[in-house]
C-alpha atoms as a PDB file:
ATOM      1  CA  MET A   1     112.200 169.247  40.277  1.00  0.00           C
ATOM      2  CA  HIS A   2     109.761 169.356  43.186  1.00  0.00           C
ATOM      3  CA  PHE A   3     107.383 166.648  44.362  1.00  0.00           C
ATOM      4  CA  GLY A   4     104.160 167.253  46.218  1.00  0.00           C
ATOM      5  CA  ALA A   5     100.743 165.817  46.924  1.00  0.00           C
ATOM      6  CA  PHE A   6      97.440 167.212  45.672  1.00  0.00           C
ATOM      7  CA  MET A   7      94.826 166.842  48.391  1.00  0.00           C
ATOM      8  CA  GLU A   8      91.042 167.079  48.477  1.00  0.00           C
ATOM      9  CA  PHE A   9      90.527 165.683  52.006  1.00  0.00           C
ATOM     10  CA  SER A  10      88.321 163.079  50.376  1.00  0.00           C
ATOM     11  CA  ASN A  11      85.058 161.941  51.860  1.00  0.00           C
ATOM     12  CA  ARG A  12      83.271 158.627  51.338  1.00  0.00           C
ATOM     13  CA  ALA A  13      79.724 157.470  51.968  1.00  0.00           C
ATOM     14  CA  GLY A  14      79.273 156.183  55.498  1.00  0.00           C
ATOM     15  CA  VAL A  15      82.499 157.767  56.761  1.00  0.00           C
ATOM     16  CA  PRO A  16      82.197 160.514  59.398  1.00  0.00           C
ATOM     17  CA  GLU A  17      83.482 163.900  58.227  1.00  0.00           C
ATOM     18  CA  ALA A  18      85.856 163.974  61.197  1.00  0.00           C
ATOM     19  CA  GLN A  19      87.533 160.860  59.799  1.00  0.00           C
ATOM     20  CA  ALA A  20      88.047 162.578  56.423  1.00  0.00           C
ATOM     21  CA  PHE A  21      89.948 165.360  58.205  1.00  0.00           C
ATOM     22  CA  GLN A  22      91.950 162.886  60.312  1.00  0.00           C
ATOM     23  CA  GLU A  23      92.933 160.883  57.224  1.00  0.00           C
ATOM     24  CA  GLY A  24      93.894 164.055  55.375  1.00  0.00           C
ATOM     25  CA  PHE A  25      96.133 165.229  58.197  1.00  0.00           C
ATOM     26  CA  ARG A  26      97.753 161.781  58.436  1.00  0.00           C
ATOM     27  CA  MET A  27      98.579 162.096  54.731  1.00  0.00           C
ATOM     28  CA  VAL A  28     100.105 165.535  55.395  1.00  0.00           C
ATOM     29  CA  ASP A  29     102.238 164.099  58.201  1.00  0.00           C
ATOM     30  CA  ALA A  30     103.361 161.272  55.905  1.00  0.00           C
ATOM     31  CA  ALA A  31     104.214 163.765  53.142  1.00  0.00           C
ATOM     32  CA  GLU A  32     106.542 165.628  55.483  1.00  0.00           C
ATOM     33  CA  GLU A  33     108.092 162.416  56.850  1.00  0.00           C
ATOM     34  CA  MET A  34     108.701 161.058  53.320  1.00  0.00           C
ATOM     35  CA  GLY A  35     110.416 164.268  52.216  1.00  0.00           C
ATOM     36  CA  LEU A  36     107.851 165.609  49.759  1.00  0.00           C
ATOM     37  CA  ASP A  37     108.298 169.291  48.970  1.00  0.00           C
ATOM     38  CA  GLY A  38     104.719 170.361  49.534  1.00  0.00           C
ATOM     39  CA  VAL A  39     101.013 169.695  49.644  1.00  0.00           C
ATOM     40  CA  TRP A  40      98.421 171.406  47.462  1.00  0.00           C
ATOM     41  CA  LEU A  41      94.856 171.886  48.662  1.00  0.00           C
ATOM     42  CA  ALA A  42      91.723 171.969  46.540  1.00  0.00           C
ATOM     43  CA  GLU A  43      88.693 174.160  47.256  1.00  0.00           C
ATOM     44  CA  LEU A  44      85.473 172.196  46.806  1.00  0.00           C
ATOM     45  CA  HIS A  45      81.975 173.320  47.789  1.00  0.00           C
ATOM     46  CA  PHE A  46      78.626 171.543  48.100  1.00  0.00           C
ATOM     47  CA  ASN A  47      79.955 168.093  47.237  1.00  0.00           C
ATOM     48  CA  PRO A  48      79.769 166.061  50.483  1.00  0.00           C
ATOM     49  CA  ALA A  49      80.286 162.735  48.713  1.00  0.00           C
ATOM     50  CA  ARG A  50      83.658 163.937  47.400  1.00  0.00           C
ATOM     51  CA  SER A  51      85.380 166.246  49.876  1.00  0.00           C
ATOM     52  CA  VAL A  52      85.232 168.137  53.173  1.00  0.00           C
ATOM     53  CA  LEU A  53      87.668 170.788  51.917  1.00  0.00           C
ATOM     54  CA  SER A  54      85.351 173.790  51.596  1.00  0.00           C
ATOM     55  CA  SER A  55      87.665 176.066  53.584  1.00  0.00           C
ATOM     56  CA  PRO A  56      91.201 175.195  52.493  1.00  0.00           C
ATOM     57  CA  ILE A  57      92.778 178.377  53.874  1.00  0.00           C
ATOM     58  CA  ILE A  58      91.892 177.197  57.394  1.00  0.00           C
ATOM     59  CA  VAL A  59      93.281 173.733  56.664  1.00  0.00           C
ATOM     60  CA  ALA A  60      96.432 175.351  55.206  1.00  0.00           C
ATOM     61  CA  THR A  61      96.894 177.217  58.486  1.00  0.00           C
ATOM     62  CA  SER A  62      96.625 173.980  60.431  1.00  0.00           C
ATOM     63  CA  ILE A  63      99.133 172.287  58.127  1.00  0.00           C
ATOM     64  CA  ALA A  64     101.530 175.209  58.545  1.00  0.00           C
ATOM     65  CA  THR A  65     101.467 174.807  62.324  1.00  0.00           C
ATOM     66  CA  ARG A  66     101.898 171.012  62.330  1.00  0.00           C
ATOM     67  CA  THR A  67     104.804 170.875  59.839  1.00  0.00           C
ATOM     68  CA  LYS A  68     108.299 172.343  59.819  1.00  0.00           C
ATOM     69  CA  ARG A  69     109.505 172.368  56.206  1.00  0.00           C
ATOM     70  CA  LEU A  70     106.606 171.269  53.988  1.00  0.00           C
ATOM     71  CA  ARG A  71     105.362 173.980  51.636  1.00  0.00           C
ATOM     72  CA  VAL A  72     101.608 174.522  51.677  1.00  0.00           C
ATOM     73  CA  GLY A  73      99.799 175.610  48.539  1.00  0.00           C
ATOM     74  CA  MET A  74      96.326 176.220  47.243  1.00  0.00           C
ATOM     75  CA  ALA A  75      95.313 174.321  44.124  1.00  0.00           C
ATOM     76  CA  VAL A  76      93.289 176.381  43.766  1.00  0.00           C
ATOM     77  CA  TYR A  77      91.737 179.202  45.757  1.00  0.00           C
ATOM     78  CA  VAL A  78      88.604 180.095  43.763  1.00  0.00           C
ATOM     79  CA  LEU A  79      88.935 183.883  43.737  1.00  0.00           C
ATOM     80  CA  PRO A  80      85.500 184.887  42.391  1.00  0.00           C
ATOM     81  CA  LEU A  81      83.707 183.160  45.290  1.00  0.00           C
ATOM     82  CA  SER A  82      85.203 185.347  48.042  1.00  0.00           C
ATOM     83  CA  ASN A  83      85.928 188.973  48.825  1.00  0.00           C
ATOM     84  CA  PRO A  84      89.406 189.840  47.496  1.00  0.00           C
ATOM     85  CA  LEU A  85      90.355 191.981  50.507  1.00  0.00           C
ATOM     86  CA  ARG A  86      89.525 189.091  52.827  1.00  0.00           C
ATOM     87  CA  ILE A  87      91.583 186.743  50.645  1.00  0.00           C
ATOM     88  CA  ALA A  88      94.547 189.154  50.753  1.00  0.00           C
ATOM     89  CA  GLU A  89      94.391 189.301  54.553  1.00  0.00           C
ATOM     90  CA  GLU A  90      93.967 185.562  55.059  1.00  0.00           C
ATOM     91  CA  VAL A  91      96.697 184.542  52.620  1.00  0.00           C
ATOM     92  CA  ALA A  92      99.170 187.028  54.095  1.00  0.00           C
ATOM     93  CA  THR A  93      98.339 185.729  57.569  1.00  0.00           C
ATOM     94  CA  VAL A  94      98.942 182.089  56.576  1.00  0.00           C
ATOM     95  CA  ASP A  95     102.159 183.190  54.868  1.00  0.00           C
ATOM     96  CA  HIS A  96     103.336 184.577  58.237  1.00  0.00           C
ATOM     97  CA  ILE A  97     102.175 181.549  60.228  1.00  0.00           C
ATOM     98  CA  SER A  98     104.048 179.266  57.807  1.00  0.00           C
ATOM     99  CA  GLU A  99     107.109 181.565  57.880  1.00  0.00           C
ATOM    100  CA  GLY A 100     107.070 181.876  54.108  1.00  0.00           C
ATOM    101  CA  ARG A 101     106.117 178.321  53.159  1.00  0.00           C
ATOM    102  CA  PHE A 102     102.793 179.270  51.535  1.00  0.00           C
ATOM    103  CA  GLU A 103     102.112 179.193  47.776  1.00  0.00           C
ATOM    104  CA  PHE A 104      99.098 180.945  46.281  1.00  0.00           C
ATOM    105  CA  GLY A 105      97.486 178.850  43.566  1.00  0.00           C
ATOM    106  CA  ILE A 106      94.366 180.506  42.197  1.00  0.00           C
ATOM    107  CA  GLY A 107      91.673 179.925  39.623  1.00  0.00           C
ATOM    108  CA  ARG A 108      88.023 180.291  38.645  1.00  0.00           C
ATOM    109  CA  SER A 109      86.934 176.627  39.017  1.00  0.00           C
ATOM    110  CA  GLY A 110      85.031 174.657  36.453  1.00  0.00           C
ATOM    111  CA  PHE A 111      82.291 173.759  38.934  1.00  0.00           C
ATOM    112  CA  ALA A 112      79.489 176.145  37.989  1.00  0.00           C
ATOM    113  CA  ARG A 113      77.250 174.712  40.734  1.00  0.00           C
ATOM    114  CA  SER A 114      79.328 176.478  43.397  1.00  0.00           C
ATOM    115  CA  TYR A 115      78.625 179.784  41.681  1.00  0.00           C
ATOM    116  CA  ASP A 116      74.906 178.985  41.496  1.00  0.00           C
ATOM    117  CA  VAL A 117      74.671 178.194  45.209  1.00  0.00           C
ATOM    118  CA  PHE A 118      76.634 181.342  46.132  1.00  0.00           C
ATOM    119  CA  SER A 119      74.351 183.354  43.775  1.00  0.00           C
ATOM    120  CA  ILE A 120      77.246 184.510  41.605  1.00  0.00           C
ATOM    121  CA  PRO A 121      76.707 184.218  37.841  1.00  0.00           C
ATOM    122  CA  TYR A 122      79.359 181.899  36.394  1.00  0.00           C
ATOM    123  CA  SER A 123      79.399 184.126  33.305  1.00  0.00           C
ATOM    124  CA  GLU A 124      81.028 186.807  35.492  1.00  0.00           C
ATOM    125  CA  SER A 125      83.772 184.508  36.779  1.00  0.00           C
ATOM    126  CA  GLN A 126      86.521 185.598  34.396  1.00  0.00           C
ATOM    127  CA  GLU A 127      86.000 189.309  35.019  1.00  0.00           C
ATOM    128  CA  ARG A 128      85.587 188.793  38.776  1.00  0.00           C
ATOM    129  CA  PHE A 129      88.789 186.731  38.817  1.00  0.00           C
ATOM    130  CA  ALA A 130      90.770 189.477  37.050  1.00  0.00           C
ATOM    131  CA  GLU A 131      89.444 192.190  39.369  1.00  0.00           C
ATOM    132  CA  SER A 132      90.098 190.062  42.468  1.00  0.00           C
ATOM    133  CA  LEU A 133      93.686 189.379  41.473  1.00  0.00           C
ATOM    134  CA  GLU A 134      94.310 193.063  40.777  1.00  0.00           C
ATOM    135  CA  ILE A 135      92.910 194.032  44.191  1.00  0.00           C
ATOM    136  CA  ILE A 136      94.901 191.347  46.034  1.00  0.00           C
ATOM    137  CA  LEU A 137      98.188 192.362  44.410  1.00  0.00           C
ATOM    138  CA  GLN A 138      97.500 196.038  45.193  1.00  0.00           C
ATOM    139  CA  ALA A 139      96.584 195.175  48.785  1.00  0.00           C
ATOM    140  CA  TRP A 140      99.851 193.329  49.320  1.00  0.00           C
ATOM    141  CA  LYS A 141     101.891 196.446  48.581  1.00  0.00           C
ATOM    142  CA  GLY A 142     101.118 197.553  52.141  1.00  0.00           C
ATOM    143  CA  LYS A 143      99.929 201.003  51.133  1.00  0.00           C
ATOM    144  CA  GLU A 144      96.528 202.621  51.157  1.00  0.00           C
ATOM    145  CA  PHE A 145      94.766 202.150  47.839  1.00  0.00           C
ATOM    146  CA  SER A 146      91.418 202.468  46.125  1.00  0.00           C
ATOM    147  CA  TYR A 147      89.937 200.450  43.290  1.00  0.00           C
ATOM    148  CA  GLN A 148      86.828 200.726  41.152  1.00  0.00           C
ATOM    149  CA  GLY A 149      85.768 197.776  39.006  1.00  0.00           C
ATOM    150  CA  ASN A 150      82.541 196.347  37.668  1.00  0.00           C
ATOM    151  CA  HIS A 151      82.199 193.930  40.597  1.00  0.00           C
ATOM    152  CA  TYR A 152      84.353 195.292  43.420  1.00  0.00           C
ATOM    153  CA  THR A 153      84.973 198.703  44.918  1.00  0.00           C
ATOM    154  CA  VAL A 154      87.703 199.482  47.443  1.00  0.00           C
ATOM    155  CA  GLU A 155      87.984 202.887  49.073  1.00  0.00           C
ATOM    156  CA  ASN A 156      91.110 203.926  50.954  1.00  0.00           C
ATOM    157  CA  ALA A 157      92.048 200.496  52.315  1.00  0.00           C
ATOM    158  CA  THR A 158      95.338 199.381  53.833  1.00  0.00           C
ATOM    159  CA  VAL A 159      95.544 195.632  54.337  1.00  0.00           C
ATOM    160  CA  THR A 160      97.559 194.119  57.169  1.00  0.00           C
ATOM    161  CA  PRO A 161      99.547 192.084  57.478  1.00  0.00           C
ATOM    162  CA  ALA A 162     101.609 192.398  54.336  1.00  0.00           C
ATOM    163  CA  PRO A 163     102.836 188.981  53.170  1.00  0.00           C
ATOM    164  CA  TYR A 164     105.861 187.406  54.854  1.00  0.00           C
ATOM    165  CA  GLN A 165     107.354 186.624  51.415  1.00  0.00           C
ATOM    166  CA  GLN A 166     108.040 189.740  49.379  1.00  0.00           C
ATOM    167  CA  PRO A 167     106.504 190.987  47.278  1.00  0.00           C
ATOM    168  CA  HIS A 168     104.033 188.119  47.902  1.00  0.00           C
ATOM    169  CA  PRO A 169     103.806 184.313  48.072  1.00  0.00           C
ATOM    170  CA  PRO A 170     104.585 182.507  44.808  1.00  0.00           C
ATOM    171  CA  LEU A 171     101.596 182.789  42.499  1.00  0.00           C
ATOM    172  CA  ARG A 172     100.274 180.074  40.169  1.00  0.00           C
ATOM    173  CA  ILE A 173      97.124 180.350  38.097  1.00  0.00           C
ATOM    174  CA  ALA A 174      95.009 177.441  36.866  1.00  0.00           C
ATOM    175  CA  ALA A 175      94.531 177.437  33.101  1.00  0.00           C
ATOM    176  CA  ASN A 176      92.667 175.055  30.838  1.00  0.00           C
ATOM    177  CA  SER A 177      92.163 176.931  27.574  1.00  0.00           C
ATOM    178  CA  ALA A 178      94.450 178.259  24.847  1.00  0.00           C
ATOM    179  CA  ASP A 179      93.314 181.871  25.300  1.00  0.00           C
ATOM    180  CA  THR A 180      94.000 181.660  29.038  1.00  0.00           C
ATOM    181  CA  PHE A 181      97.467 180.181  28.443  1.00  0.00           C
ATOM    182  CA  THR A 182      98.274 183.089  26.134  1.00  0.00           C
ATOM    183  CA  ARG A 183      96.859 185.797  28.416  1.00  0.00           C
ATOM    184  CA  LEU A 184      98.628 184.489  31.520  1.00  0.00           C
ATOM    185  CA  GLY A 185     101.874 183.885  29.662  1.00  0.00           C
ATOM    186  CA  GLN A 186     101.881 187.456  28.360  1.00  0.00           C
ATOM    187  CA  ALA A 187     101.363 188.675  31.926  1.00  0.00           C
ATOM    188  CA  GLY A 188     104.277 186.504  33.118  1.00  0.00           C
ATOM    189  CA  HIS A 189     102.221 184.349  35.494  1.00  0.00           C
ATOM    190  CA  PRO A 190     103.189 180.722  36.216  1.00  0.00           C
ATOM    191  CA  ILE A 191     100.307 178.344  35.515  1.00  0.00           C
ATOM    192  CA  PHE A 192      98.714 175.133  36.755  1.00  0.00           C
ATOM    193  CA  VAL A 193      97.454 172.842  34.012  1.00  0.00           C
ATOM    194  CA  GLY A 194      94.843 170.142  34.425  1.00  0.00           C
ATOM    195  CA  LEU A 195      93.292 171.148  37.749  1.00  0.00           C
END
């Protein structure tokens, strides 16, 4: 059994954003000192009263450099909101910086407002998620590849670096519905429940 902390780098009214980051990093330091196995970072956009964690991959990099044994995971990286090639590069880079302590938790998010603000129809989130994951896994093979989907096109790309962990960092997918549990289970993917 593993024990970790789920973190949003919470913000409160009247508290400077810098303090939210400082408090979050103090919690990370305490997690390592207390012997927790890892920390898991949320991705939250356009909600200043709740969190300052709009760019968790950058925060994950900082955590990787300030800790020695703590695993660092995403809970979750919202795939449809970003370019999958960029995600593949950034995650592989953090995996190297952490020397293999990174875990790749992914999902679609239930916060439709983020999609609205980014001008991405939430109705496309499931298909965009599936295409993104397929592209990321192809990219991490370290070979030139092409891909044609309904939302993304990749032509003759080779992504570097390849992940430190082979074939890639441990993958977990957020799931909240029976059909998603079934689909992910059939594909052999570990899941997050209740995020």
